[in-house]
Amino acid sequence: MRAKALAALAAAAVAVAAAAAPDASAHSLFNSAEQSIAGYRVQVSTLPEFPQIGEPSQVLFRVTDSDYEELPGVIMRVRIMHDDM
């Protein structure tokens, strides 16, 4: 279920474009799902690794080019859906 949800989030990153953001940086997301979209590699992960009901969680995104080079900044639109609705 978690892998399906992460894959759905990665697929939902529809519009990915490079933008200027000099202070942005990224690191490896170890508990992530990834997908290539429009020549970019999009990784989606959660923090903590196993979110708990009633506890705060974060959804993390990492975007690289097709050569796995981190981009200095990204503009992204994400749609999060429940049960494909």
PDB file of N, CA and C in Angstrom:
ATOM      1  N   MET A   1       0.831  -1.186   0.000  1.00  0.00           N
ATOM      2  CA  MET A   1       0.000   0.000   0.000  1.00  0.00           C
ATOM      3  C   MET A   1       0.876   1.250   0.000  1.00  0.00           C
ATOM      4  N   ARG A   2       1.917   1.278   0.879  1.00  0.00           N
ATOM      5  CA  ARG A   2       2.781   2.449   0.958  1.00  0.00           C
ATOM      6  C   ARG A   2       3.507   2.673  -0.363  1.00  0.00           C
ATOM      7  N   ALA A   3       4.024   1.587  -0.973  1.00  0.00           N
ATOM      8  CA  ALA A   3       4.724   1.718  -2.252  1.00  0.00           C
ATOM      9  C   ALA A   3       3.780   2.213  -3.332  1.00  0.00           C
ATOM     10  N   LYS A   4       2.527   1.738  -3.319  1.00  0.00           N
ATOM     11  CA  LYS A   4       1.543   2.195  -4.302  1.00  0.00           C
ATOM     12  C   LYS A   4       1.256   3.680  -4.108  1.00  0.00           C
ATOM     13  N   ALA A   5       1.125   4.113  -2.850  1.00  0.00           N
ATOM     14  CA  ALA A   5       0.864   5.525  -2.573  1.00  0.00           C
ATOM     15  C   ALA A   5       2.039   6.389  -3.001  1.00  0.00           C
ATOM     16  N   LEU A   6       3.268   5.942  -2.728  1.00  0.00           N
ATOM     17  CA  LEU A   6       4.441   6.711  -3.135  1.00  0.00           C
ATOM     18  C   LEU A   6       4.550   6.770  -4.653  1.00  0.00           C
ATOM     19  N   ALA A   7       4.256   5.658  -5.329  1.00  0.00           N
ATOM     20  CA  ALA A   7       4.296   5.655  -6.791  1.00  0.00           C
ATOM     21  C   ALA A   7       3.241   6.589  -7.351  1.00  0.00           C
ATOM     22  N   ALA A   8       2.068   6.639  -6.730  1.00  0.00           N
ATOM     23  CA  ALA A   8       1.017   7.546  -7.184  1.00  0.00           C
ATOM     24  C   ALA A   8       1.437   8.993  -6.989  1.00  0.00           C
ATOM     25  N   LEU A   9       2.115   9.291  -5.878  1.00  0.00           N
ATOM     26  CA  LEU A   9       2.598  10.654  -5.660  1.00  0.00           C
ATOM     27  C   LEU A   9       3.643  11.037  -6.696  1.00  0.00           C
ATOM     28  N   ALA A  10       4.538  10.119  -7.013  1.00  0.00           N
ATOM     29  CA  ALA A  10       5.555  10.404  -8.025  1.00  0.00           C
ATOM     30  C   ALA A  10       4.905  10.638  -9.376  1.00  0.00           C
ATOM     31  N   ALA A  11       3.898   9.845  -9.709  1.00  0.00           N
ATOM     32  CA  ALA A  11       3.209  10.017 -10.986  1.00  0.00           C
ATOM     33  C   ALA A  11       2.415  11.308 -11.011  1.00  0.00           C
ATOM     34  N   ALA A  12       2.033  11.820  -9.847  1.00  0.00           N
ATOM     35  CA  ALA A  12       1.248  13.042  -9.780  1.00  0.00           C
ATOM     36  C   ALA A  12       2.091  14.291 -10.001  1.00  0.00           C
ATOM     37  N   ALA A  13       3.394  14.167  -9.970  1.00  0.00           N
ATOM     38  CA  ALA A  13       4.266  15.320 -10.204  1.00  0.00           C
ATOM     39  C   ALA A  13       4.273  15.610 -11.701  1.00  0.00           C
ATOM     40  N   VAL A  14       3.238  16.277 -12.163  1.00  0.00           N
ATOM     41  CA  VAL A  14       2.985  16.421 -13.592  1.00  0.00           C
ATOM     42  C   VAL A  14       3.877  17.469 -14.233  1.00  0.00           C
ATOM     43  N   ALA A  15       3.911  18.635 -13.680  1.00  0.00           N
ATOM     44  CA  ALA A  15       4.646  19.727 -14.302  1.00  0.00           C
ATOM     45  C   ALA A  15       5.967  19.935 -13.574  1.00  0.00           C
ATOM     46  N   VAL A  16       7.051  19.544 -14.187  1.00  0.00           N
ATOM     47  CA  VAL A  16       8.370  19.694 -13.583  1.00  0.00           C
ATOM     48  C   VAL A  16       9.200  20.587 -14.491  1.00  0.00           C
ATOM     49  N   ALA A  17       9.710  21.684 -13.951  1.00  0.00           N
ATOM     50  CA  ALA A  17      10.525  22.590 -14.749  1.00  0.00           C
ATOM     51  C   ALA A  17      11.640  23.154 -13.881  1.00  0.00           C
ATOM     52  N   ALA A  18      12.790  23.361 -14.470  1.00  0.00           N
ATOM     53  CA  ALA A  18      13.926  23.928 -13.737  1.00  0.00           C
ATOM     54  C   ALA A  18      13.673  25.403 -13.465  1.00  0.00           C
ATOM     55  N   ALA A  19      14.092  25.874 -12.300  1.00  0.00           N
ATOM     56  CA  ALA A  19      13.947  27.277 -11.921  1.00  0.00           C
ATOM     57  C   ALA A  19      15.164  27.670 -11.097  1.00  0.00           C
ATOM     58  N   ALA A  20      15.387  28.955 -10.940  1.00  0.00           N
ATOM     59  CA  ALA A  20      16.538  29.436 -10.173  1.00  0.00           C
ATOM     60  C   ALA A  20      16.204  29.430  -8.686  1.00  0.00           C
ATOM     61  N   ALA A  21      17.007  28.733  -7.904  1.00  0.00           N
ATOM     62  CA  ALA A  21      16.887  28.707  -6.451  1.00  0.00           C
ATOM     63  C   ALA A  21      18.267  28.386  -5.896  1.00  0.00           C
ATOM     64  N   PRO A  22      19.134  29.394  -5.753  1.00  0.00           N
ATOM     65  CA  PRO A  22      20.534  29.141  -5.423  1.00  0.00           C
ATOM     66  C   PRO A  22      20.774  28.448  -4.089  1.00  0.00           C
ATOM     67  N   ASP A  23      19.873  28.559  -3.121  1.00  0.00           N
ATOM     68  CA  ASP A  23      20.104  27.963  -1.816  1.00  0.00           C
ATOM     69  C   ASP A  23      19.517  26.559  -1.685  1.00  0.00           C
ATOM     70  N   ALA A  24      18.939  26.027  -2.748  1.00  0.00           N
ATOM     71  CA  ALA A  24      18.307  24.708  -2.673  1.00  0.00           C
ATOM     72  C   ALA A  24      19.353  23.610  -2.759  1.00  0.00           C
ATOM     73  N   SER A  25      19.126  22.541  -2.031  1.00  0.00           N
ATOM     74  CA  SER A  25      19.979  21.366  -2.139  1.00  0.00           C
ATOM     75  C   SER A  25      19.134  20.140  -1.839  1.00  0.00           C
ATOM     76  N   ALA A  26      19.633  18.977  -2.221  1.00  0.00           N
ATOM     77  CA  ALA A  26      18.885  17.742  -2.005  1.00  0.00           C
ATOM     78  C   ALA A  26      19.838  16.661  -1.518  1.00  0.00           C
ATOM     79  N   HIS A  27      19.292  15.615  -0.947  1.00  0.00           N
ATOM     80  CA  HIS A  27      20.092  14.475  -0.510  1.00  0.00           C
ATOM     81  C   HIS A  27      19.345  13.209  -0.896  1.00  0.00           C
ATOM     82  N   SER A  28      20.000  12.084  -0.793  1.00  0.00           N
ATOM     83  CA  SER A  28      19.373  10.821  -1.159  1.00  0.00           C
ATOM     84  C   SER A  28      18.196  10.522  -0.245  1.00  0.00           C
ATOM     85  N   LEU A  29      17.134  10.037  -0.859  1.00  0.00           N
ATOM     86  CA  LEU A  29      15.965   9.608  -0.109  1.00  0.00           C
ATOM     87  C   LEU A  29      15.986   8.086  -0.096  1.00  0.00           C
ATOM     88  N   PHE A  30      16.310   7.511   1.043  1.00  0.00           N
ATOM     89  CA  PHE A  30      16.555   6.078   1.103  1.00  0.00           C
ATOM     90  C   PHE A  30      15.282   5.242   1.070  1.00  0.00           C
ATOM     91  N   ASN A  31      14.183   5.724   1.624  1.00  0.00           N
ATOM     92  CA  ASN A  31      12.928   4.967   1.628  1.00  0.00           C
ATOM     93  C   ASN A  31      11.987   5.564   0.587  1.00  0.00           C
ATOM     94  N   SER A  32      12.414   5.577  -0.658  1.00  0.00           N
ATOM     95  CA  SER A  32      11.659   6.310  -1.661  1.00  0.00           C
ATOM     96  C   SER A  32      11.199   5.441  -2.818  1.00  0.00           C
ATOM     97  N   ALA A  33      10.238   5.993  -3.544  1.00  0.00           N
ATOM     98  CA  ALA A  33       9.832   5.456  -4.841  1.00  0.00           C
ATOM     99  C   ALA A  33      10.291   6.486  -5.859  1.00  0.00           C
ATOM    100  N   GLU A  34      10.562   6.064  -7.076  1.00  0.00           N
ATOM    101  CA  GLU A  34      10.996   7.032  -8.078  1.00  0.00           C
ATOM    102  C   GLU A  34      10.413   6.699  -9.434  1.00  0.00           C
ATOM    103  N   GLN A  35      10.328   7.740 -10.265  1.00  0.00           N
ATOM    104  CA  GLN A  35       9.805   7.593 -11.618  1.00  0.00           C
ATOM    105  C   GLN A  35      10.426   8.683 -12.483  1.00  0.00           C
ATOM    106  N   SER A  36      10.662   8.369 -13.746  1.00  0.00           N
ATOM    107  CA  SER A  36      11.140   9.375 -14.695  1.00  0.00           C
ATOM    108  C   SER A  36       9.939  10.048 -15.334  1.00  0.00           C
ATOM    109  N   ILE A  37       9.941  11.381 -15.295  1.00  0.00           N
ATOM    110  CA  ILE A  37       8.850  12.174 -15.854  1.00  0.00           C
ATOM    111  C   ILE A  37       9.466  13.292 -16.676  1.00  0.00           C
ATOM    112  N   ALA A  38       9.174  13.328 -17.967  1.00  0.00           N
ATOM    113  CA  ALA A  38       9.609  14.406 -18.867  1.00  0.00           C
ATOM    114  C   ALA A  38      11.118  14.640 -18.797  1.00  0.00           C
ATOM    115  N   GLY A  39      11.908  13.586 -18.711  1.00  0.00           N
ATOM    116  CA  GLY A  39      13.357  13.718 -18.683  1.00  0.00           C
ATOM    117  C   GLY A  39      13.945  14.003 -17.317  1.00  0.00           C
ATOM    118  N   TYR A  40      13.116  14.089 -16.297  1.00  0.00           N
ATOM    119  CA  TYR A  40      13.572  14.293 -14.928  1.00  0.00           C
ATOM    120  C   TYR A  40      13.312  13.020 -14.132  1.00  0.00           C
ATOM    121  N   ARG A  41      14.124  12.789 -13.107  1.00  0.00           N
ATOM    122  CA  ARG A  41      13.908  11.671 -12.195  1.00  0.00           C
ATOM    123  C   ARG A  41      13.309  12.248 -10.923  1.00  0.00           C
ATOM    124  N   VAL A  42      12.132  11.790 -10.553  1.00  0.00           N
ATOM    125  CA  VAL A  42      11.425  12.296  -9.380  1.00  0.00           C
ATOM    126  C   VAL A  42      11.389  11.195  -8.328  1.00  0.00           C
ATOM    127  N   GLN A  43      11.894  11.502  -7.136  1.00  0.00           N
ATOM    128  CA  GLN A  43      11.831  10.581  -6.005  1.00  0.00           C
ATOM    129  C   GLN A  43      10.859  11.148  -4.986  1.00  0.00           C
ATOM    130  N   VAL A  44      10.074  10.281  -4.376  1.00  0.00           N
ATOM    131  CA  VAL A  44       9.130  10.673  -3.338  1.00  0.00           C
ATOM    132  C   VAL A  44       9.386   9.793  -2.123  1.00  0.00           C
ATOM    133  N   SER A  45       9.406  10.424  -0.959  1.00  0.00           N
ATOM    134  CA  SER A  45       9.675   9.695   0.271  1.00  0.00           C
ATOM    135  C   SER A  45       8.867  10.316   1.403  1.00  0.00           C
ATOM    136  N   THR A  46       8.831   9.644   2.538  1.00  0.00           N
ATOM    137  CA  THR A  46       8.170  10.193   3.716  1.00  0.00           C
ATOM    138  C   THR A  46       9.164  10.288   4.864  1.00  0.00           C
ATOM    139  N   LEU A  47       8.893  11.212   5.749  1.00  0.00           N
ATOM    140  CA  LEU A  47       9.680  11.384   6.961  1.00  0.00           C
ATOM    141  C   LEU A  47       8.700  11.527   8.114  1.00  0.00           C
ATOM    142  N   PRO A  48       8.654  10.640   9.061  1.00  0.00           N
ATOM    143  CA  PRO A  48       9.531   9.494   9.241  1.00  0.00           C
ATOM    144  C   PRO A  48       9.298   8.436   8.167  1.00  0.00           C
ATOM    145  N   GLU A  49      10.201   7.464   8.111  1.00  0.00           N
ATOM    146  CA  GLU A  49      10.134   6.431   7.083  1.00  0.00           C
ATOM    147  C   GLU A  49       8.795   5.702   7.104  1.00  0.00           C
ATOM    148  N   PHE A  50       8.287   5.433   8.292  1.00  0.00           N
ATOM    149  CA  PHE A  50       6.985   4.780   8.449  1.00  0.00           C
ATOM    150  C   PHE A  50       6.067   5.737   9.201  1.00  0.00           C
ATOM    151  N   PRO A  51       5.274   6.547   8.482  1.00  0.00           N
ATOM    152  CA  PRO A  51       4.380   7.506   9.140  1.00  0.00           C
ATOM    153  C   PRO A  51       3.410   6.801  10.094  1.00  0.00           C
ATOM    154  N   GLN A  52       3.116   7.472  11.197  1.00  0.00           N
ATOM    155  CA  GLN A  52       2.207   6.934  12.207  1.00  0.00           C
ATOM    156  C   GLN A  52       0.922   7.755  12.222  1.00  0.00           C
ATOM    157  N   ILE A  53      -0.204   7.094  12.397  1.00  0.00           N
ATOM    158  CA  ILE A  53      -1.495   7.774  12.479  1.00  0.00           C
ATOM    159  C   ILE A  53      -1.470   8.727  13.663  1.00  0.00           C
ATOM    160  N   GLY A  54      -1.909   9.956  13.431  1.00  0.00           N
ATOM    161  CA  GLY A  54      -1.972  10.959  14.486  1.00  0.00           C
ATOM    162  C   GLY A  54      -0.666  11.677  14.753  1.00  0.00           C
ATOM    163  N   GLU A  55       0.392  11.338  14.048  1.00  0.00           N
ATOM    164  CA  GLU A  55       1.699  11.978  14.221  1.00  0.00           C
ATOM    165  C   GLU A  55       2.042  12.791  12.976  1.00  0.00           C
ATOM    166  N   PRO A  56       2.786  13.895  13.119  1.00  0.00           N
ATOM    167  CA  PRO A  56       3.189  14.686  11.945  1.00  0.00           C
ATOM    168  C   PRO A  56       4.090  13.884  11.010  1.00  0.00           C
ATOM    169  N   SER A  57       3.908  14.082   9.726  1.00  0.00           N
ATOM    170  CA  SER A  57       4.737  13.442   8.700  1.00  0.00           C
ATOM    171  C   SER A  57       5.035  14.454   7.609  1.00  0.00           C
ATOM    172  N   GLN A  58       6.094  14.223   6.873  1.00  0.00           N
ATOM    173  CA  GLN A  58       6.446  15.060   5.731  1.00  0.00           C
ATOM    174  C   GLN A  58       6.546  14.190   4.493  1.00  0.00           C
ATOM    175  N   VAL A  59       6.124  14.742   3.353  1.00  0.00           N
ATOM    176  CA  VAL A  59       6.336  14.108   2.059  1.00  0.00           C
ATOM    177  C   VAL A  59       7.500  14.856   1.423  1.00  0.00           C
ATOM    178  N   LEU A  60       8.567  14.144   1.074  1.00  0.00           N
ATOM    179  CA  LEU A  60       9.782  14.748   0.532  1.00  0.00           C
ATOM    180  C   LEU A  60       9.909  14.422  -0.953  1.00  0.00           C
ATOM    181  N   PHE A  61      10.360  15.397  -1.738  1.00  0.00           N
ATOM    182  CA  PHE A  61      10.580  15.210  -3.163  1.00  0.00           C
ATOM    183  C   PHE A  61      12.033  15.523  -3.491  1.00  0.00           C
ATOM    184  N   ARG A  62      12.594  14.783  -4.417  1.00  0.00           N
ATOM    185  CA  ARG A  62      13.944  15.051  -4.927  1.00  0.00           C
ATOM    186  C   ARG A  62      13.864  14.922  -6.439  1.00  0.00           C
ATOM    187  N   VAL A  63      14.368  15.915  -7.150  1.00  0.00           N
ATOM    188  CA  VAL A  63      14.308  15.913  -8.611  1.00  0.00           C
ATOM    189  C   VAL A  63      15.721  16.056  -9.160  1.00  0.00           C
ATOM    190  N   THR A  64      16.096  15.147 -10.082  1.00  0.00           N
ATOM    191  CA  THR A  64      17.390  15.214 -10.756  1.00  0.00           C
ATOM    192  C   THR A  64      17.152  15.161 -12.255  1.00  0.00           C
ATOM    193  N   ASP A  65      18.191  15.479 -13.022  1.00  0.00           N
ATOM    194  CA  ASP A  65      18.074  15.324 -14.471  1.00  0.00           C
ATOM    195  C   ASP A  65      18.289  13.858 -14.832  1.00  0.00           C
ATOM    196  N   SER A  66      18.270  13.557 -16.115  1.00  0.00           N
ATOM    197  CA  SER A  66      18.384  12.160 -16.549  1.00  0.00           C
ATOM    198  C   SER A  66      19.753  11.551 -16.246  1.00  0.00           C
ATOM    199  N   ASP A  67      20.764  12.394 -15.962  1.00  0.00           N
ATOM    200  CA  ASP A  67      22.101  11.916 -15.596  1.00  0.00           C
ATOM    201  C   ASP A  67      22.292  11.863 -14.080  1.00  0.00           C
ATOM    202  N   TYR A  68      21.199  11.959 -13.325  1.00  0.00           N
ATOM    203  CA  TYR A  68      21.206  11.908 -11.864  1.00  0.00           C
ATOM    204  C   TYR A  68      21.926  13.094 -11.228  1.00  0.00           C
ATOM    205  N   GLU A  69      22.026  14.203 -11.947  1.00  0.00           N
ATOM    206  CA  GLU A  69      22.603  15.429 -11.389  1.00  0.00           C
ATOM    207  C   GLU A  69      21.488  16.217 -10.705  1.00  0.00           C
ATOM    208  N   GLU A  70      21.729  16.612  -9.452  1.00  0.00           N
ATOM    209  CA  GLU A  70      20.726  17.376  -8.726  1.00  0.00           C
ATOM    210  C   GLU A  70      20.514  18.726  -9.386  1.00  0.00           C
ATOM    211  N   LEU A  71      19.275  19.184  -9.387  1.00  0.00           N
ATOM    212  CA  LEU A  71      18.941  20.477  -9.966  1.00  0.00           C
ATOM    213  C   LEU A  71      18.975  21.532  -8.865  1.00  0.00           C
ATOM    214  N   PRO A  72      19.408  22.744  -9.181  1.00  0.00           N
ATOM    215  CA  PRO A  72      19.501  23.773  -8.152  1.00  0.00           C
ATOM    216  C   PRO A  72      18.141  24.242  -7.650  1.00  0.00           C
ATOM    217  N   GLY A  73      17.083  24.047  -8.403  1.00  0.00           N
ATOM    218  CA  GLY A  73      15.741  24.457  -7.997  1.00  0.00           C
ATOM    219  C   GLY A  73      14.724  23.884  -8.957  1.00  0.00           C
ATOM    220  N   VAL A  74      13.550  23.666  -8.465  1.00  0.00           N
ATOM    221  CA  VAL A  74      12.511  23.040  -9.278  1.00  0.00           C
ATOM    222  C   VAL A  74      11.167  23.677  -8.942  1.00  0.00           C
ATOM    223  N   ILE A  75      10.360  23.904  -9.960  1.00  0.00           N
ATOM    224  CA  ILE A  75       8.965  24.278  -9.759  1.00  0.00           C
ATOM    225  C   ILE A  75       8.153  23.036 -10.082  1.00  0.00           C
ATOM    226  N   MET A  76       7.283  22.650  -9.169  1.00  0.00           N
ATOM    227  CA  MET A  76       6.560  21.396  -9.339  1.00  0.00           C
ATOM    228  C   MET A  76       5.114  21.586  -8.889  1.00  0.00           C
ATOM    229  N   ARG A  77       4.216  20.915  -9.590  1.00  0.00           N
ATOM    230  CA  ARG A  77       2.813  20.881  -9.161  1.00  0.00           C
ATOM    231  C   ARG A  77       2.511  19.433  -8.798  1.00  0.00           C
ATOM    232  N   VAL A  78       1.922  19.234  -7.629  1.00  0.00           N
ATOM    233  CA  VAL A  78       1.653  17.886  -7.142  1.00  0.00           C
ATOM    234  C   VAL A  78       0.177  17.781  -6.767  1.00  0.00           C
ATOM    235  N   ARG A  79      -0.431  16.691  -7.177  1.00  0.00           N
ATOM    236  CA  ARG A  79      -1.815  16.402  -6.775  1.00  0.00           C
ATOM    237  C   ARG A  79      -1.782  15.123  -5.948  1.00  0.00           C
ATOM    238  N   ILE A  80      -2.256  15.210  -4.710  1.00  0.00           N
ATOM    239  CA  ILE A  80      -2.307  14.046  -3.833  1.00  0.00           C
ATOM    240  C   ILE A  80      -3.754  13.579  -3.778  1.00  0.00           C
ATOM    241  N   MET A  81      -3.959  12.297  -4.101  1.00  0.00           N
ATOM    242  CA  MET A  81      -5.318  11.763  -4.165  1.00  0.00           C
ATOM    243  C   MET A  81      -5.439  10.563  -3.234  1.00  0.00           C
ATOM    244  N   HIS A  82      -6.649  10.309  -2.808  1.00  0.00           N
ATOM    245  CA  HIS A  82      -6.948   9.152  -1.968  1.00  0.00           C
ATOM    246  C   HIS A  82      -7.866   8.225  -2.744  1.00  0.00           C
ATOM    247  N   ASP A  83      -7.502   6.962  -2.868  1.00  0.00           N
ATOM    248  CA  ASP A  83      -8.288   5.965  -3.606  1.00  0.00           C
ATOM    249  C   ASP A  83      -8.554   6.389  -5.044  1.00  0.00           C
ATOM    250  N   ASP A  84      -7.553   6.955  -5.708  1.00  0.00           N
ATOM    251  CA  ASP A  84      -7.643   7.374  -7.110  1.00  0.00           C
ATOM    252  C   ASP A  84      -8.777   8.347  -7.381  1.00  0.00           C
ATOM    253  N   MET A  85      -9.145   9.169  -6.410  1.00  0.00           N
ATOM    254  CA  MET A  85     -10.203  10.171  -6.606  1.00  0.00           C
ATOM    255  C   MET A  85      -9.642  11.558  -6.462  1.00  0.00           C
TER     256      MET A  85
END
